[in-house]
Protein backbone atom coordinates (compact mmCIF):
# COMPACT_ATOMS: atom_id res chain seq x y z
CA MET A 1 8.66 127.55 47.05
CA THR A 2 8.55 124.57 44.65
CA PRO A 3 6.08 122.09 43.17
CA ASP A 4 7.61 119.48 45.48
CA ASP A 5 6.62 121.65 48.44
CA ILE A 6 3.12 121.82 47.17
CA THR A 7 2.92 118.02 46.78
CA ALA A 8 4.06 117.76 50.42
CA VAL A 9 1.44 120.20 51.76
CA ASN A 10 -1.28 118.56 49.69
CA VAL A 11 -0.48 115.32 51.49
CA ALA A 12 -0.15 116.93 54.90
CA GLN A 13 -3.31 119.06 54.63
CA PRO A 14 -2.50 122.27 56.62
CA ASP A 15 -5.19 124.93 56.57
CA PHE A 16 -2.71 127.56 55.12
CA VAL A 17 0.55 127.75 53.07
CA GLY A 18 2.65 130.90 52.77
CA PHE A 19 4.25 132.41 49.79
CA VAL A 20 7.15 134.84 50.78
CA PHE A 21 7.31 137.91 48.65
CA ALA A 22 9.79 139.64 50.94
CA PRO A 23 13.48 139.53 50.11
CA GLY A 24 15.27 136.42 51.49
CA ARG A 25 15.99 132.76 50.68
CA HIS A 26 12.31 131.83 50.75
CA GLN A 27 11.29 134.60 48.37
CA ILE A 28 9.28 133.82 45.23
CA ASP A 29 7.82 136.12 42.64
CA PRO A 30 4.02 136.62 41.95
CA GLN A 31 4.09 134.45 38.79
CA THR A 32 5.62 131.57 40.65
CA ALA A 33 3.05 132.01 43.34
CA ARG A 34 0.20 131.76 40.84
CA ASN A 35 1.76 128.64 39.30
CA LEU A 36 2.10 127.10 42.76
CA LYS A 37 -1.34 127.99 43.82
CA SER A 38 -2.70 126.26 40.74
CA LEU A 39 -1.15 123.02 42.06
CA LEU A 40 -2.51 123.46 45.57
CA GLN A 41 -5.70 121.77 46.82
CA SER A 42 -8.34 124.48 46.82
CA SER A 43 -9.19 123.86 50.48
CA ILE A 44 -5.76 125.21 51.53
CA LYS A 45 -5.60 128.96 51.76
CA THR A 46 -2.62 131.00 50.62
CA VAL A 47 -0.94 133.71 52.67
CA GLY A 48 1.32 136.34 51.20
CA VAL A 49 4.29 137.18 53.50
CA PHE A 50 5.28 140.89 53.19
CA VAL A 51 7.87 143.00 54.89
CA GLU A 52 8.40 146.29 52.95
CA GLU A 53 5.95 145.92 50.10
CA SER A 54 3.37 148.69 49.67
CA VAL A 55 -0.43 148.29 50.04
CA THR A 56 -0.57 148.78 46.23
CA ASP A 57 1.92 145.94 45.58
CA ILE A 58 0.05 143.66 47.97
CA LEU A 59 -3.21 144.42 46.32
CA GLU A 60 -1.77 143.74 42.87
CA ILE A 61 -0.60 140.28 43.97
CA TYR A 62 -4.08 139.59 45.61
CA LYS A 63 -6.03 140.75 42.55
CA ALA A 64 -3.87 138.40 40.37
CA GLY A 65 -5.26 135.54 42.44
CA SER A 66 -2.10 134.46 44.16
CA ILE A 67 -3.11 135.00 47.78
CA ASP A 68 -6.09 134.92 50.08
CA ILE A 69 -4.41 136.62 53.18
CA ALA A 70 -1.78 139.19 53.67
CA GLN A 71 0.79 138.67 56.47
CA LEU A 72 2.38 142.04 57.34
CA HIS A 73 5.84 141.90 58.99
CA ARG A 74 6.18 145.65 59.18
CA PRO A 75 4.42 148.16 61.46
CA SER A 76 1.19 148.87 59.67
CA THR A 77 -1.41 151.49 60.28
CA GLY A 78 -5.04 150.73 60.89
CA THR A 79 -5.80 152.57 57.69
CA GLU A 80 -3.49 150.39 55.59
CA ILE A 81 -4.98 147.19 57.16
CA LYS A 82 -8.54 148.33 56.46
CA GLN A 83 -7.64 149.27 52.96
CA LEU A 84 -6.49 145.68 52.37
CA GLN A 85 -9.57 144.29 54.13
CA ARG A 86 -11.97 146.48 51.99
CA ALA A 87 -10.38 144.93 48.95
CA GLY A 88 -11.32 141.38 50.25
CA LEU A 89 -8.11 140.32 51.93
CA LYS A 90 -7.88 138.98 55.44
CA VAL A 91 -4.85 140.42 57.21
CA ILE A 92 -2.35 138.96 59.75
CA GLN A 93 -0.40 141.64 61.65
CA VAL A 94 2.87 140.32 63.02
CA PHE A 95 4.44 141.53 66.21
CA GLU A 96 8.13 140.65 66.36
CA GLN A 97 9.73 141.09 69.68
CA ARG A 98 7.34 143.79 70.54
CA PRO A 99 4.07 143.94 72.55
CA ILE A 100 1.00 142.79 70.70
CA ASP A 101 -1.60 145.47 70.03
CA SER A 102 -4.86 143.76 70.81
CA GLN A 103 -6.72 146.66 69.39
CA SER A 104 -5.33 146.19 65.88
CA PRO A 105 -8.09 145.92 63.16
CA ALA A 106 -6.20 142.92 61.59
CA ASP A 107 -8.10 139.74 61.37
CA TYR A 108 -5.32 137.79 63.11
CA LEU A 109 -2.53 138.85 65.41
CA MET A 110 0.79 136.95 65.32
CA ALA A 111 3.56 136.73 67.90
CA ASP A 112 6.89 135.91 66.17
CA SER A 113 10.46 135.68 67.42
CA GLY A 114 11.84 137.25 64.19
CA LYS A 115 11.78 136.60 60.45
CA GLY A 116 12.87 132.92 60.19
CA SER A 117 15.25 133.19 63.16
CA GLY A 118 14.36 129.65 64.31
CA ARG A 119 14.29 130.82 67.83
CA LEU A 120 11.41 129.77 69.99
CA LEU A 121 9.61 132.54 71.83
CA SER A 122 9.46 132.39 75.58
CA LEU A 123 6.07 130.63 75.66
CA ASN A 124 5.22 131.76 79.18
CA ASP A 125 5.51 135.35 78.10
CA VAL A 126 3.05 135.12 75.12
CA PRO A 127 -0.29 136.73 76.16
CA HIS A 128 -3.52 134.72 75.91
CA LEU A 129 -5.75 136.67 73.59
CA LYS A 130 -9.55 136.34 73.10
CA ARG A 131 -9.26 136.77 69.33
CA PRO A 132 -7.62 134.85 66.48
CA PHE A 133 -3.97 134.40 67.44
CA ILE A 134 -0.99 132.92 65.61
CA LEU A 135 2.07 131.57 67.32
CA ALA A 136 5.25 131.66 65.20
CA GLY A 137 8.98 131.42 65.64
CA GLY A 138 11.09 128.31 66.40
CA LEU A 139 8.28 125.74 66.13
CA ASN A 140 9.07 122.25 64.81
CA PRO A 141 7.45 118.75 64.85
CA ASP A 142 8.99 118.09 68.22
CA ASN A 143 7.85 121.20 70.15
CA VAL A 144 4.52 122.14 68.52
CA GLN A 145 2.33 120.19 70.80
CA GLN A 146 3.90 121.73 73.98
CA ALA A 147 3.72 125.20 72.42
CA ILE A 148 0.02 124.73 71.74
CA GLN A 149 -0.67 123.42 75.28
CA THR A 150 1.19 126.42 76.74
CA VAL A 151 -0.06 129.25 74.59
CA GLN A 152 -3.34 127.90 73.11
CA PRO A 153 -3.05 129.75 69.82
CA THR A 154 -5.73 129.59 67.11
CA ILE A 155 -3.01 128.84 64.51
CA VAL A 156 0.61 127.74 64.47
CA ASP A 157 3.08 128.84 61.89
CA VAL A 158 6.26 127.09 60.76
CA SER A 159 8.92 127.61 58.12
CA SER A 160 12.53 126.61 58.87
CA GLY A 161 11.32 124.15 61.50
CA VAL A 162 10.11 121.81 58.70
CA GLU A 163 13.32 122.06 56.68
CA THR A 164 16.34 119.88 56.25
CA ASN A 165 19.45 121.41 54.77
CA GLN A 166 17.37 124.66 54.02
CA LYS A 167 14.80 122.69 51.89
CA LYS A 168 11.27 121.73 52.89
CA ASP A 169 11.24 118.22 54.21
CA VAL A 170 8.10 116.19 53.43
CA GLN A 171 8.23 114.01 56.48
CA LYS A 172 8.75 117.05 58.80
CA ILE A 173 5.81 118.84 57.24
CA ILE A 174 3.55 115.79 57.66
CA GLN A 175 4.73 115.29 61.22
CA PHE A 176 4.25 118.92 62.15
CA VAL A 177 0.74 119.05 60.77
CA LYS A 178 -0.12 115.71 62.37
CA HIS A 179 1.24 116.78 65.83
CA ALA A 180 -0.53 120.21 65.64
CA LYS A 181 -3.79 118.58 64.64
CA GLU A 182 -3.55 115.95 67.37
CA GLU A 183 -3.23 118.58 69.98
CA THR A 184 -5.98 120.82 68.77
CA TYR A 185 -8.55 121.07 66.05
CA ASN A 186 -7.44 124.66 65.38
CA GLU A 187 -5.91 125.76 62.12
CA ASN A 188 -2.30 125.20 61.02
CA PHE A 189 -0.06 127.34 58.88
CA ILE A 190 2.95 126.40 56.84
CA LYS A 191 5.00 128.77 54.74
């Protein structure tokens, strides 16, 4: 959300950072996203987090150079996902408190306990998928290693779990990425 957050992730070296375009306390506008991306190390990919935004709006943000991947927190049709992919975007389809559709054409599937709820999913109930899979919801530096051992996701996603007083905490970000990378050589995701 801020240049200080970008400084922290440049030190921690996650594989991804997220820019939230959906309404809420983490929301930023497309211009802010472009400015923050210009401060980000080029090896770190940017993910746009969307809830109700249209395919047209998502593509506009992508074409402006703000994001590399779209994370869709709404039920999305295969046609919408393929339209984003044809434009060059990778797509994450999020399944919040509902069964994961392993037939989705999305590049990544995500299990999440709910938009920034801070609640950890019941890890034993998360399916093991044979395709790129992201685990989100309630993760923090203290539980990420156990979550990776139990679920074996391709990527882990964190937001409020690396905050103190609703602001990103540099030390928590560094610890989260360190613990995740110690557990696996898979990708990490911070938004």
